[in-house]
C-alpha atoms as a PDB file:
ATOM      1  CA  UNK A   1      -0.125  -0.071   0.206  1.00  0.00           C
ATOM      2  CA  UNK A   2       2.751   2.568   0.806  1.00  0.00           C
ATOM      3  CA  UNK A   3       4.288   1.851  -2.520  1.00  0.00           C
ATOM      4  CA  UNK A   4       1.127   2.809  -4.215  1.00  0.00           C
ATOM      5  CA  UNK A   5       0.569   6.271  -1.951  1.00  0.00           C
ATOM      6  CA  UNK A   6       3.542   7.226  -3.271  1.00  0.00           C
ATOM      7  CA  UNK A   7       2.999   6.211  -6.746  1.00  0.00           C
ATOM      8  CA  UNK A   8      -0.399   8.275  -6.898  1.00  0.00           C
ATOM      9  CA  UNK A   9       0.898  10.967  -4.672  1.00  0.00           C
ATOM     10  CA  UNK A  10       3.655  11.416  -7.051  1.00  0.00           C
ATOM     11  CA  UNK A  11       1.532  11.798 -10.002  1.00  0.00           C
ATOM     12  CA  UNK A  12      -0.789  13.948  -8.294  1.00  0.00           C
ATOM     13  CA  UNK A  13       1.846  16.266  -6.865  1.00  0.00           C
ATOM     14  CA  UNK A  14       3.661  16.412 -10.283  1.00  0.00           C
ATOM     15  CA  UNK A  15       0.260  17.297 -12.077  1.00  0.00           C
ATOM     16  CA  UNK A  16      -1.905  19.415  -9.857  1.00  0.00           C
ATOM     17  CA  UNK A  17       1.292  21.040  -7.668  1.00  0.00           C
ATOM     18  CA  UNK A  18       2.531  19.785  -4.206  1.00  0.00           C
ATOM     19  CA  UNK A  19       0.493  22.909  -2.383  1.00  0.00           C
ATOM     20  CA  UNK A  20      -2.948  22.102  -4.362  1.00  0.00           C
ATOM     21  CA  UNK A  21      -3.227  18.004  -3.320  1.00  0.00           C
ATOM     22  CA  UNK A  22      -4.353  17.562  -0.120  1.00  0.00           C
ATOM     23  CA  UNK A  23      -4.287  14.214   2.052  1.00  0.00           C
ATOM     24  CA  UNK A  24      -8.312  14.400   1.662  1.00  0.00           C
ATOM     25  CA  UNK A  25      -7.696  14.517  -2.412  1.00  0.00           C
ATOM     26  CA  UNK A  26      -5.095  11.590  -2.420  1.00  0.00           C
ATOM     27  CA  UNK A  27      -7.055   9.003   0.182  1.00  0.00           C
ATOM     28  CA  UNK A  28     -10.346   9.975  -2.634  1.00  0.00           C
ATOM     29  CA  UNK A  29      -8.123   9.231  -5.881  1.00  0.00           C
ATOM     30  CA  UNK A  30      -6.781   6.066  -4.231  1.00  0.00           C
ATOM     31  CA  UNK A  31     -10.301   4.957  -3.022  1.00  0.00           C
ATOM     32  CA  UNK A  32      -9.056   4.504   1.041  1.00  0.00           C
ATOM     33  CA  UNK A  33      -9.454   6.596   4.160  1.00  0.00           C
ATOM     34  CA  UNK A  34      -6.966   9.191   5.281  1.00  0.00           C
ATOM     35  CA  UNK A  35      -6.005   7.202   8.368  1.00  0.00           C
ATOM     36  CA  UNK A  36      -4.518   4.892   5.809  1.00  0.00           C
ATOM     37  CA  UNK A  37      -2.295   7.354   4.613  1.00  0.00           C
ATOM     38  CA  UNK A  38      -1.561   8.814   7.971  1.00  0.00           C
ATOM     39  CA  UNK A  39      -0.679   4.993   8.751  1.00  0.00           C
ATOM     40  CA  UNK A  40       2.367   5.175   6.682  1.00  0.00           C
ATOM     41  CA  UNK A  41       2.962   8.862   6.538  1.00  0.00           C
ATOM     42  CA  UNK A  42       3.060  11.327   9.794  1.00  0.00           C
ATOM     43  CA  UNK A  43       2.191  13.672   7.650  1.00  0.00           C
ATOM     44  CA  UNK A  44       2.047  15.280   4.526  1.00  0.00           C
ATOM     45  CA  UNK A  45       5.860  16.853   4.734  1.00  0.00           C
ATOM     46  CA  UNK A  46       6.597  13.003   5.445  1.00  0.00           C
ATOM     47  CA  UNK A  47       4.583  12.302   2.069  1.00  0.00           C
ATOM     48  CA  UNK A  48       6.038  15.045   0.046  1.00  0.00           C
ATOM     49  CA  UNK A  49       9.628  14.029   1.307  1.00  0.00           C
ATOM     50  CA  UNK A  50       9.125  10.049   0.372  1.00  0.00           C
ATOM     51  CA  UNK A  51       7.464  11.408  -3.047  1.00  0.00           C
ATOM     52  CA  UNK A  52      10.699  13.526  -4.249  1.00  0.00           C
ATOM     53  CA  UNK A  53      12.999  10.779  -2.636  1.00  0.00           C
ATOM     54  CA  UNK A  54      10.762   8.053  -5.159  1.00  0.00           C
ATOM     55  CA  UNK A  55      10.928  10.407  -8.200  1.00  0.00           C
ATOM     56  CA  UNK A  56      14.831  11.328  -7.788  1.00  0.00           C
ATOM     57  CA  UNK A  57      15.566   7.106  -7.646  1.00  0.00           C
ATOM     58  CA  UNK A  58      13.292   6.817 -10.698  1.00  0.00           C
ATOM     59  CA  UNK A  59      15.306   9.435 -12.422  1.00  0.00           C
ATOM     60  CA  UNK A  60      18.871   8.303 -11.509  1.00  0.00           C
ATOM     61  CA  UNK A  61      17.978   4.702 -12.547  1.00  0.00           C
ATOM     62  CA  UNK A  62      16.910   6.188 -15.956  1.00  0.00           C
ATOM     63  CA  UNK A  63      20.068   7.853 -16.300  1.00  0.00           C
ATOM     64  CA  UNK A  64      22.236   5.024 -15.183  1.00  0.00           C
ATOM     65  CA  UNK A  65      20.279   2.947 -18.024  1.00  0.00           C
ATOM     66  CA  UNK A  66      21.250   5.752 -20.416  1.00  0.00           C
ATOM     67  CA  UNK A  67      24.993   5.785 -19.090  1.00  0.00           C
ATOM     68  CA  UNK A  68      25.092   2.361 -19.550  1.00  0.00           C
ATOM     69  CA  UNK A  69      24.814   2.411 -23.146  1.00  0.00           C
ATOM     70  CA  UNK A  70      27.795   4.682 -23.699  1.00  0.00           C
ATOM     71  CA  UNK A  71      26.219   6.753 -26.287  1.00  0.00           C
ATOM     72  CA  UNK A  72      27.883   9.159 -28.242  1.00  0.00           C
ATOM     73  CA  UNK A  73      27.965  12.386 -25.811  1.00  0.00           C
ATOM     74  CA  UNK A  74      26.346  14.651 -27.494  1.00  0.00           C
ATOM     75  CA  UNK A  75      23.523  12.211 -27.977  1.00  0.00           C
ATOM     76  CA  UNK A  76      23.586  11.029 -24.251  1.00  0.00           C
ATOM     77  CA  UNK A  77      22.724  14.628 -23.201  1.00  0.00           C
ATOM     78  CA  UNK A  78      19.451  14.707 -25.326  1.00  0.00           C
ATOM     79  CA  UNK A  79      19.068  11.213 -24.226  1.00  0.00           C
ATOM     80  CA  UNK A  80      18.750  12.346 -20.566  1.00  0.00           C
ATOM     81  CA  UNK A  81      16.469  15.390 -21.423  1.00  0.00           C
ATOM     82  CA  UNK A  82      14.207  13.067 -22.145  1.00  0.00           C
ATOM     83  CA  UNK A  83      14.075  10.920 -19.658  1.00  0.00           C
ATOM     84  CA  UNK A  84      13.928  13.451 -16.999  1.00  0.00           C
ATOM     85  CA  UNK A  85      10.903  14.827 -19.105  1.00  0.00           C
ATOM     86  CA  UNK A  86       9.189  11.582 -19.135  1.00  0.00           C
ATOM     87  CA  UNK A  87       9.507  11.427 -15.312  1.00  0.00           C
ATOM     88  CA  UNK A  88       8.049  15.135 -14.507  1.00  0.00           C
ATOM     89  CA  UNK A  89       5.658  14.675 -16.897  1.00  0.00           C
ATOM     90  CA  UNK A  90       6.826  18.249 -18.651  1.00  0.00           C
ATOM     91  CA  UNK A  91       6.712  19.977 -15.234  1.00  0.00           C
ATOM     92  CA  UNK A  92       3.630  21.539 -15.701  1.00  0.00           C
ATOM     93  CA  UNK A  93       3.266  22.886 -12.321  1.00  0.00           C
ATOM     94  CA  UNK A  94       6.622  23.718 -11.800  1.00  0.00           C
ATOM     95  CA  UNK A  95       7.351  21.097  -9.173  1.00  0.00           C
ATOM     96  CA  UNK A  96      10.858  22.114  -8.286  1.00  0.00           C
ATOM     97  CA  UNK A  97       9.744  26.135  -7.395  1.00  0.00           C
ATOM     98  CA  UNK A  98       6.338  24.794  -5.401  1.00  0.00           C
ATOM     99  CA  UNK A  99       8.733  22.348  -3.426  1.00  0.00           C
ATOM    100  CA  UNK A 100      11.365  25.358  -2.815  1.00  0.00           C
ATOM    101  CA  UNK A 101       8.264  27.696  -1.868  1.00  0.00           C
ATOM    102  CA  UNK A 102       6.072  25.254   0.385  1.00  0.00           C
ATOM    103  CA  UNK A 103       8.852  22.571   1.658  1.00  0.00           C
ATOM    104  CA  UNK A 104      12.367  24.708   1.440  1.00  0.00           C
ATOM    105  CA  UNK A 105      14.179  22.158   3.484  1.00  0.00           C
ATOM    106  CA  UNK A 106      13.077  19.546   1.119  1.00  0.00           C
ATOM    107  CA  UNK A 107      14.147  21.551  -1.634  1.00  0.00           C
ATOM    108  CA  UNK A 108      17.493  22.161  -0.060  1.00  0.00           C
ATOM    109  CA  UNK A 109      18.488  18.376   0.513  1.00  0.00           C
ATOM    110  CA  UNK A 110      17.175  17.530  -2.824  1.00  0.00           C
ATOM    111  CA  UNK A 111      19.339  20.028  -4.772  1.00  0.00           C
ATOM    112  CA  UNK A 112      22.551  18.834  -3.150  1.00  0.00           C
ATOM    113  CA  UNK A 113      21.476  15.167  -4.000  1.00  0.00           C
ATOM    114  CA  UNK A 114      20.849  16.429  -7.704  1.00  0.00           C
ATOM    115  CA  UNK A 115      24.122  18.314  -7.711  1.00  0.00           C
ATOM    116  CA  UNK A 116      25.829  15.385  -6.876  1.00  0.00           C
ATOM    117  CA  UNK A 117      24.461  12.919  -9.508  1.00  0.00           C
ATOM    118  CA  UNK A 118      25.013  15.452 -12.313  1.00  0.00           C
ATOM    119  CA  UNK A 119      28.324  16.529 -11.492  1.00  0.00           C
ATOM    120  CA  UNK A 120      29.313  13.312 -12.152  1.00  0.00           C
ATOM    121  CA  UNK A 121      27.370  12.395 -14.858  1.00  0.00           C
ATOM    122  CA  UNK A 122      28.342  15.637 -16.406  1.00  0.00           C
ATOM    123  CA  UNK A 123      32.076  15.662 -15.902  1.00  0.00           C
ATOM    124  CA  UNK A 124      32.212  12.354 -17.384  1.00  0.00           C
ATOM    125  CA  UNK A 125      30.434  13.525 -20.561  1.00  0.00           C
ATOM    126  CA  UNK A 126      32.683  16.443 -20.688  1.00  0.00           C
ATOM    127  CA  UNK A 127      35.800  14.331 -20.733  1.00  0.00           C
ATOM    128  CA  UNK A 128      34.651  11.592 -23.107  1.00  0.00           C
ATOM    129  CA  UNK A 129      33.599  14.071 -25.682  1.00  0.00           C
ATOM    130  CA  UNK A 130      37.091  15.944 -25.435  1.00  0.00           C
ATOM    131  CA  UNK A 131      38.366  12.236 -25.971  1.00  0.00           C
ATOM    132  CA  UNK A 132      36.139  11.814 -28.858  1.00  0.00           C
ATOM    133  CA  UNK A 133      37.257  14.829 -30.412  1.00  0.00           C
ATOM    134  CA  UNK A 134      33.760  16.644 -30.350  1.00  0.00           C
ATOM    135  CA  UNK A 135      34.061  18.942 -27.243  1.00  0.00           C
ATOM    136  CA  UNK A 136      36.963  21.730 -27.455  1.00  0.00           C
ATOM    137  CA  UNK A 137      40.246  20.824 -25.211  1.00  0.00           C
ATOM    138  CA  UNK A 138      40.786  24.134 -23.770  1.00  0.00           C
ATOM    139  CA  UNK A 139      37.178  24.522 -21.955  1.00  0.00           C
ATOM    140  CA  UNK A 140      37.573  24.273 -18.162  1.00  0.00           C
ATOM    141  CA  UNK A 141      35.575  20.943 -17.219  1.00  0.00           C
ATOM    142  CA  UNK A 142      35.109  21.878 -13.753  1.00  0.00           C
ATOM    143  CA  UNK A 143      33.322  24.991 -14.276  1.00  0.00           C
ATOM    144  CA  UNK A 144      31.157  24.046 -17.070  1.00  0.00           C
ATOM    145  CA  UNK A 145      29.655  21.452 -15.157  1.00  0.00           C
ATOM    146  CA  UNK A 146      29.247  24.004 -12.609  1.00  0.00           C
ATOM    147  CA  UNK A 147      27.358  26.034 -15.248  1.00  0.00           C
ATOM    148  CA  UNK A 148      25.346  23.194 -16.531  1.00  0.00           C
ATOM    149  CA  UNK A 149      23.381  22.484 -13.241  1.00  0.00           C
ATOM    150  CA  UNK A 150      23.170  25.965 -11.969  1.00  0.00           C
ATOM    151  CA  UNK A 151      21.519  26.694 -15.934  1.00  0.00           C
ATOM    152  CA  UNK A 152      19.370  23.713 -16.125  1.00  0.00           C
ATOM    153  CA  UNK A 153      17.834  24.304 -12.183  1.00  0.00           C
ATOM    154  CA  UNK A 154      17.844  27.867 -12.948  1.00  0.00           C
ATOM    155  CA  UNK A 155      15.179  26.945 -16.391  1.00  0.00           C
ATOM    156  CA  UNK A 156      12.556  26.125 -13.309  1.00  0.00           C
ATOM    157  CA  UNK A 157      12.330  29.706 -11.941  1.00  0.00           C
ATOM    158  CA  UNK A 158       9.064  30.443 -12.890  1.00  0.00           C
ATOM    159  CA  UNK A 159       9.499  34.049 -12.088  1.00  0.00           C
ATOM    160  CA  UNK A 160      12.274  34.307 -15.047  1.00  0.00           C
ATOM    161  CA  UNK A 161      10.326  31.929 -17.179  1.00  0.00           C
ATOM    162  CA  UNK A 162       6.752  31.830 -16.372  1.00  0.00           C
ATOM    163  CA  UNK A 163       4.987  28.801 -17.497  1.00  0.00           C
ATOM    164  CA  UNK A 164       2.240  30.621 -19.509  1.00  0.00           C
ATOM    165  CA  UNK A 165       4.929  31.998 -21.435  1.00  0.00           C
ATOM    166  CA  UNK A 166       7.550  28.918 -21.883  1.00  0.00           C
ATOM    167  CA  UNK A 167       7.451  25.366 -21.622  1.00  0.00           C
ATOM    168  CA  UNK A 168       9.619  23.481 -20.150  1.00  0.00           C
ATOM    169  CA  UNK A 169      10.346  21.174 -22.769  1.00  0.00           C
ATOM    170  CA  UNK A 170      11.195  24.221 -24.960  1.00  0.00           C
ATOM    171  CA  UNK A 171      13.832  25.577 -22.405  1.00  0.00           C
ATOM    172  CA  UNK A 172      15.834  22.597 -21.880  1.00  0.00           C
ATOM    173  CA  UNK A 173      15.843  21.871 -25.761  1.00  0.00           C
ATOM    174  CA  UNK A 174      17.034  25.526 -26.183  1.00  0.00           C
ATOM    175  CA  UNK A 175      19.716  25.512 -23.244  1.00  0.00           C
ATOM    176  CA  UNK A 176      20.703  21.869 -24.314  1.00  0.00           C
ATOM    177  CA  UNK A 177      21.640  23.146 -27.579  1.00  0.00           C
ATOM    178  CA  UNK A 178      23.100  26.640 -26.274  1.00  0.00           C
ATOM    179  CA  UNK A 179      25.468  24.802 -23.690  1.00  0.00           C
ATOM    180  CA  UNK A 180      26.558  22.239 -26.886  1.00  0.00           C
ATOM    181  CA  UNK A 181      27.155  25.050 -29.455  1.00  0.00           C
ATOM    182  CA  UNK A 182      29.461  26.494 -26.684  1.00  0.00           C
ATOM    183  CA  UNK A 183      31.666  23.616 -26.389  1.00  0.00           C
ATOM    184  CA  UNK A 184      31.963  21.755 -29.378  1.00  0.00           C
ATOM    185  CA  UNK A 185      34.569  21.515 -31.793  1.00  0.00           C
ATOM    186  CA  UNK A 186      33.558  21.226 -35.907  1.00  0.00           C
ATOM    187  CA  UNK A 187      33.096  17.682 -35.600  1.00  0.00           C
ATOM    188  CA  UNK A 188      30.839  18.114 -32.674  1.00  0.00           C
ATOM    189  CA  UNK A 189      28.880  20.599 -34.247  1.00  0.00           C
ATOM    190  CA  UNK A 190      28.414  18.143 -37.524  1.00  0.00           C
ATOM    191  CA  UNK A 191      26.776  15.712 -35.096  1.00  0.00           C
ATOM    192  CA  UNK A 192      25.014  18.440 -33.175  1.00  0.00           C
ATOM    193  CA  UNK A 193      23.259  19.468 -36.332  1.00  0.00           C
ATOM    194  CA  UNK A 194      22.248  16.192 -37.276  1.00  0.00           C
ATOM    195  CA  UNK A 195      20.607  15.127 -34.404  1.00  0.00           C
ATOM    196  CA  UNK A 196      18.660  18.351 -34.311  1.00  0.00           C
ATOM    197  CA  UNK A 197      17.509  17.908 -37.519  1.00  0.00           C
ATOM    198  CA  UNK A 198      16.338  14.073 -36.616  1.00  0.00           C
ATOM    199  CA  UNK A 199      14.481  15.501 -34.098  1.00  0.00           C
ATOM    200  CA  UNK A 200      12.644  18.167 -35.917  1.00  0.00           C
ATOM    201  CA  UNK A 201      12.087  15.450 -38.176  1.00  0.00           C
END
């Protein structure tokens, strides 16, 4: 039952927002009593904590599967973007922003975990890209990897990118191309251009 509650809560939080969904709403959707939910989770904060941890682990598993394929570094970044968007339902309600506003401690802990995972992933991607001659040799990997994290998380700031004007899918697509055009060699740009053409087709 606990896993079912987490799964349903994850879907509802992503589609409707962390603030909007009440324990009554969740109980109604699951066809159970609130008492059953409270038997597994002391309060809504504990439930939010469990659902964010569940989503984080699911995304990490998806990323690991992509990394195991040893794709071309540029293709790998696009594949990771796709898996993240799939898990976050295109972030229709800006879950990161709501999490930061209403559950700052959970948001802060999650951001640290995200940084650790993303740093390792991006640094490995950059090193492999340099080895393959598709990323420039003179880039500072430590700086670029941190810029990537700051910018990717910054896209979720709805004061800068209101949901009514920008979709998360478009923002990530535009930023990924921006990031790659800044670090690719001529060989890398050819791969990037072909990949963009394929995606558009």
